[in-house]
Amino acid sequence: MKKQSVLLDTNILVAGLSSRNGASFQLLRHCFDGKFEIVASVPLWLEYEATLKRAEIRKMHGLSARDIDDLLNNLAVAVRPTSLHYLWRPQLSDPGDEMVLETALNGAADALVTFNIGDFKPVADRLGLKLLRPADFLNMLKRNKP
């Protein structure tokens, strides 16, 4: 069975580190067991790092900058690096989401896992990109156990 490839929107990492009770945290844990691979580009990875290290976000998750570096270094093992050969801009109402869409499309991700379904939906439907909330992707992983 083909391993699923997904793009985890930055909000999934923030939620997963801020609470151990939700599906986002469970997805982060599953990143390390090889059940799926993460599609990521250099700009997306830099956004992960910058966002997770923001003072207001660090107050939410309580991790130091060094802890974030360690987490991202470990998470990188599950990443399929993606180059942005084709830019799709402008497609979305939020210019900050364009790079997320471009990474998902250039990386041929099976799905984009995000809390912001509405922000991506019109374009995702048109381009054939599956959008999933963390709980939906987690349920899909559970159903597809080998």
C-alpha atoms as a PDB file:
ATOM      1  CA  MET A   1       0.000   0.000   0.000  1.00  0.00           C
ATOM      2  CA  LYS A   2       1.279   3.464  -0.948  1.00  0.00           C
ATOM      3  CA  LYS A   3       2.261   5.673   1.945  1.00  0.00           C
ATOM      4  CA  GLN A   4       0.069   8.778   2.150  1.00  0.00           C
ATOM      5  CA  SER A   5       1.792  12.090   1.522  1.00  0.00           C
ATOM      6  CA  VAL A   6       0.274  15.152   3.127  1.00  0.00           C
ATOM      7  CA  LEU A   7       1.089  18.750   3.710  1.00  0.00           C
ATOM      8  CA  LEU A   8       0.549  19.758   7.326  1.00  0.00           C
ATOM      9  CA  ASP A   9      -0.505  23.392   7.471  1.00  0.00           C
ATOM     10  CA  THR A  10       1.367  25.411  10.081  1.00  0.00           C
ATOM     11  CA  ASN A  11      -1.770  25.637  12.229  1.00  0.00           C
ATOM     12  CA  ILE A  12      -1.607  21.854  12.716  1.00  0.00           C
ATOM     13  CA  LEU A  13       1.881  22.071  14.218  1.00  0.00           C
ATOM     14  CA  VAL A  14       0.842  24.945  16.485  1.00  0.00           C
ATOM     15  CA  ALA A  15      -2.238  23.047  17.699  1.00  0.00           C
ATOM     16  CA  GLY A  16      -0.319  19.792  18.113  1.00  0.00           C
ATOM     17  CA  LEU A  17       2.333  21.403  20.273  1.00  0.00           C
ATOM     18  CA  SER A  18      -0.156  23.472  22.270  1.00  0.00           C
ATOM     19  CA  SER A  19      -2.371  20.592  23.415  1.00  0.00           C
ATOM     20  CA  ARG A  20      -1.843  16.875  23.852  1.00  0.00           C
ATOM     21  CA  ASN A  21      -5.582  16.226  23.685  1.00  0.00           C
ATOM     22  CA  GLY A  22      -6.340  16.751  20.021  1.00  0.00           C
ATOM     23  CA  ALA A  23      -5.908  15.031  16.701  1.00  0.00           C
ATOM     24  CA  SER A  24      -3.100  17.424  15.733  1.00  0.00           C
ATOM     25  CA  PHE A  25      -0.924  16.100  18.557  1.00  0.00           C
ATOM     26  CA  GLN A  26      -1.679  12.523  17.514  1.00  0.00           C
ATOM     27  CA  LEU A  27      -0.700  13.336  13.920  1.00  0.00           C
ATOM     28  CA  LEU A  28       2.618  14.767  15.076  1.00  0.00           C
ATOM     29  CA  ARG A  29       3.254  11.550  16.978  1.00  0.00           C
ATOM     30  CA  HIS A  30       2.407   9.506  13.877  1.00  0.00           C
ATOM     31  CA  CYS A  31       4.934  11.485  11.823  1.00  0.00           C
ATOM     32  CA  PHE A  32       7.620   9.430  13.511  1.00  0.00           C
ATOM     33  CA  ASP A  33       6.124   5.970  12.928  1.00  0.00           C
ATOM     34  CA  GLY A  34       6.276   6.066   9.136  1.00  0.00           C
ATOM     35  CA  LYS A  35       2.521   5.903   8.479  1.00  0.00           C
ATOM     36  CA  PHE A  36       2.702   8.909   6.172  1.00  0.00           C
ATOM     37  CA  GLU A  37       5.184  11.367   4.783  1.00  0.00           C
ATOM     38  CA  ILE A  38       5.063  15.132   4.973  1.00  0.00           C
ATOM     39  CA  VAL A  39       5.379  17.218   1.833  1.00  0.00           C
ATOM     40  CA  ALA A  40       7.353  20.378   2.649  1.00  0.00           C
ATOM     41  CA  SER A  41       9.277  23.081   0.843  1.00  0.00           C
ATOM     42  CA  VAL A  42      12.018  25.338   2.167  1.00  0.00           C
ATOM     43  CA  PRO A  43       9.627  28.318   2.454  1.00  0.00           C
ATOM     44  CA  LEU A  44       7.091  26.190   4.343  1.00  0.00           C
ATOM     45  CA  TRP A  45       9.776  24.830   6.673  1.00  0.00           C
ATOM     46  CA  LEU A  46      10.957  28.375   7.405  1.00  0.00           C
ATOM     47  CA  GLU A  47       7.352  29.338   8.156  1.00  0.00           C
ATOM     48  CA  TYR A  48       7.054  26.390  10.565  1.00  0.00           C
ATOM     49  CA  GLU A  49      10.191  27.533  12.362  1.00  0.00           C
ATOM     50  CA  ALA A  50       9.331  31.242  12.464  1.00  0.00           C
ATOM     51  CA  THR A  51       5.765  30.627  13.629  1.00  0.00           C
ATOM     52  CA  LEU A  52       6.634  28.071  16.306  1.00  0.00           C
ATOM     53  CA  LYS A  53       9.340  30.390  17.678  1.00  0.00           C
ATOM     54  CA  ARG A  54       7.094  33.478  17.934  1.00  0.00           C
ATOM     55  CA  ALA A  55       6.844  34.684  21.532  1.00  0.00           C
ATOM     56  CA  GLU A  56       3.041  34.429  21.665  1.00  0.00           C
ATOM     57  CA  ILE A  57       3.107  30.915  20.195  1.00  0.00           C
ATOM     58  CA  ARG A  58       5.921  29.809  22.535  1.00  0.00           C
ATOM     59  CA  LYS A  59       3.735  30.889  25.464  1.00  0.00           C
ATOM     60  CA  MET A  60       1.051  28.529  24.149  1.00  0.00           C
ATOM     61  CA  HIS A  61       3.272  25.451  23.808  1.00  0.00           C
ATOM     62  CA  GLY A  62       5.961  26.251  26.383  1.00  0.00           C
ATOM     63  CA  LEU A  63       8.900  25.020  24.307  1.00  0.00           C
ATOM     64  CA  SER A  64      12.233  26.783  24.007  1.00  0.00           C
ATOM     65  CA  ALA A  65      13.736  27.798  20.667  1.00  0.00           C
ATOM     66  CA  ARG A  66      16.187  24.913  21.047  1.00  0.00           C
ATOM     67  CA  ASP A  67      13.287  22.495  21.665  1.00  0.00           C
ATOM     68  CA  ILE A  68      11.666  23.732  18.443  1.00  0.00           C
ATOM     69  CA  ASP A  69      14.929  23.207  16.549  1.00  0.00           C
ATOM     70  CA  ASP A  70      15.156  19.656  17.918  1.00  0.00           C
ATOM     71  CA  LEU A  71      11.540  18.929  17.030  1.00  0.00           C
ATOM     72  CA  LEU A  72      11.926  20.202  13.474  1.00  0.00           C
ATOM     73  CA  ASN A  73      15.192  18.294  13.017  1.00  0.00           C
ATOM     74  CA  ASN A  74      13.464  15.091  14.112  1.00  0.00           C
ATOM     75  CA  LEU A  75      10.377  15.828  12.036  1.00  0.00           C
ATOM     76  CA  ALA A  76      12.544  16.332   8.947  1.00  0.00           C
ATOM     77  CA  VAL A  77      13.042  12.549   8.777  1.00  0.00           C
ATOM     78  CA  ALA A  78       9.392  12.202   7.706  1.00  0.00           C
ATOM     79  CA  VAL A  79       9.616  14.932   5.057  1.00  0.00           C
ATOM     80  CA  ARG A  80       9.634  14.560   1.308  1.00  0.00           C
ATOM     81  CA  PRO A  81      11.418  17.738   0.197  1.00  0.00           C
ATOM     82  CA  THR A  82       9.539  19.646  -2.463  1.00  0.00           C
ATOM     83  CA  SER A  83      10.901  22.264  -4.825  1.00  0.00           C
ATOM     84  CA  LEU A  84       8.585  24.989  -5.997  1.00  0.00           C
ATOM     85  CA  HIS A  85       9.079  24.778  -9.749  1.00  0.00           C
ATOM     86  CA  TYR A  86       5.716  26.267 -10.575  1.00  0.00           C
ATOM     87  CA  LEU A  87       4.074  29.144  -8.719  1.00  0.00           C
ATOM     88  CA  TRP A  88       0.284  29.223  -8.796  1.00  0.00           C
ATOM     89  CA  ARG A  89      -0.228  32.790  -7.524  1.00  0.00           C
ATOM     90  CA  PRO A  90      -2.607  34.429  -7.085  1.00  0.00           C
ATOM     91  CA  GLN A  91      -5.231  31.822  -6.218  1.00  0.00           C
ATOM     92  CA  LEU A  92      -6.289  32.500  -2.620  1.00  0.00           C
ATOM     93  CA  SER A  93      -7.754  35.416  -0.701  1.00  0.00           C
ATOM     94  CA  ASP A  94      -4.932  35.201   1.894  1.00  0.00           C
ATOM     95  CA  PRO A  95      -1.538  35.767   0.236  1.00  0.00           C
ATOM     96  CA  GLY A  96       0.092  33.999   3.200  1.00  0.00           C
ATOM     97  CA  ASP A  97      -1.584  30.743   2.167  1.00  0.00           C
ATOM     98  CA  GLU A  98      -0.284  30.807  -1.416  1.00  0.00           C
ATOM     99  CA  MET A  99       3.007  29.125  -0.483  1.00  0.00           C
ATOM    100  CA  VAL A 100       1.114  26.349   1.315  1.00  0.00           C
ATOM    101  CA  LEU A 101      -0.994  25.680  -1.779  1.00  0.00           C
ATOM    102  CA  GLU A 102       2.056  25.800  -4.058  1.00  0.00           C
ATOM    103  CA  THR A 103       3.933  23.316  -1.890  1.00  0.00           C
ATOM    104  CA  ALA A 104       0.998  20.901  -1.823  1.00  0.00           C
ATOM    105  CA  LEU A 105       0.550  21.073  -5.597  1.00  0.00           C
ATOM    106  CA  ASN A 106       4.250  20.944  -6.530  1.00  0.00           C
ATOM    107  CA  GLY A 107       4.756  18.073  -4.082  1.00  0.00           C
ATOM    108  CA  ALA A 108       1.736  16.154  -5.407  1.00  0.00           C
ATOM    109  CA  ALA A 109       0.419  15.804  -1.857  1.00  0.00           C
ATOM    110  CA  ASP A 110      -2.471  13.394  -1.438  1.00  0.00           C
ATOM    111  CA  ALA A 111      -4.060  15.933   0.901  1.00  0.00           C
ATOM    112  CA  LEU A 112      -3.623  19.216   2.715  1.00  0.00           C
ATOM    113  CA  VAL A 113      -4.340  18.825   6.430  1.00  0.00           C
ATOM    114  CA  THR A 114      -5.545  22.142   7.833  1.00  0.00           C
ATOM    115  CA  PHE A 115      -8.066  23.822  10.080  1.00  0.00           C
ATOM    116  CA  ASN A 116      -8.601  26.448   7.367  1.00  0.00           C
ATOM    117  CA  ILE A 117     -10.675  24.351   4.982  1.00  0.00           C
ATOM    118  CA  GLY A 118     -12.757  27.349   3.899  1.00  0.00           C
ATOM    119  CA  ASP A 119      -9.689  29.355   2.884  1.00  0.00           C
ATOM    120  CA  PHE A 120      -8.543  26.664   0.452  1.00  0.00           C
ATOM    121  CA  LYS A 121     -11.810  25.007  -0.629  1.00  0.00           C
ATOM    122  CA  PRO A 122     -12.731  26.893  -3.819  1.00  0.00           C
ATOM    123  CA  VAL A 123      -9.254  26.492  -5.306  1.00  0.00           C
ATOM    124  CA  ALA A 124      -8.701  22.975  -3.951  1.00  0.00           C
ATOM    125  CA  ASP A 125     -11.941  21.782  -5.541  1.00  0.00           C
ATOM    126  CA  ARG A 126     -10.940  23.280  -8.872  1.00  0.00           C
ATOM    127  CA  LEU A 127      -7.394  21.819  -8.753  1.00  0.00           C
ATOM    128  CA  GLY A 128      -8.303  18.426  -7.277  1.00  0.00           C
ATOM    129  CA  LEU A 129      -6.524  18.866  -3.939  1.00  0.00           C
ATOM    130  CA  LYS A 130      -8.106  16.950  -1.057  1.00  0.00           C
ATOM    131  CA  LEU A 131      -8.587  18.977   2.132  1.00  0.00           C
ATOM    132  CA  LEU A 132      -8.786  17.232   5.492  1.00  0.00           C
ATOM    133  CA  ARG A 133      -9.118  18.321   9.087  1.00  0.00           C
ATOM    134  CA  PRO A 134      -6.671  16.609  11.464  1.00  0.00           C
ATOM    135  CA  ALA A 135      -9.323  14.306  12.958  1.00  0.00           C
ATOM    136  CA  ASP A 136     -10.425  13.193   9.484  1.00  0.00           C
ATOM    137  CA  PHE A 137      -6.866  12.363   8.427  1.00  0.00           C
ATOM    138  CA  LEU A 138      -6.248  10.544  11.718  1.00  0.00           C
ATOM    139  CA  ASN A 139      -9.400   8.448  11.153  1.00  0.00           C
ATOM    140  CA  MET A 140      -8.248   7.683   7.615  1.00  0.00           C
ATOM    141  CA  LEU A 141      -4.887   6.475   8.959  1.00  0.00           C
ATOM    142  CA  LYS A 142      -6.648   4.223  11.462  1.00  0.00           C
ATOM    143  CA  ARG A 143      -8.866   2.695   8.759  1.00  0.00           C
ATOM    144  CA  ASN A 144      -5.903   2.025   6.462  1.00  0.00           C
ATOM    145  CA  LYS A 145      -3.833   0.022   8.936  1.00  0.00           C
ATOM    146  CA  PRO A 146      -1.920  -2.771   7.186  1.00  0.00           C
END
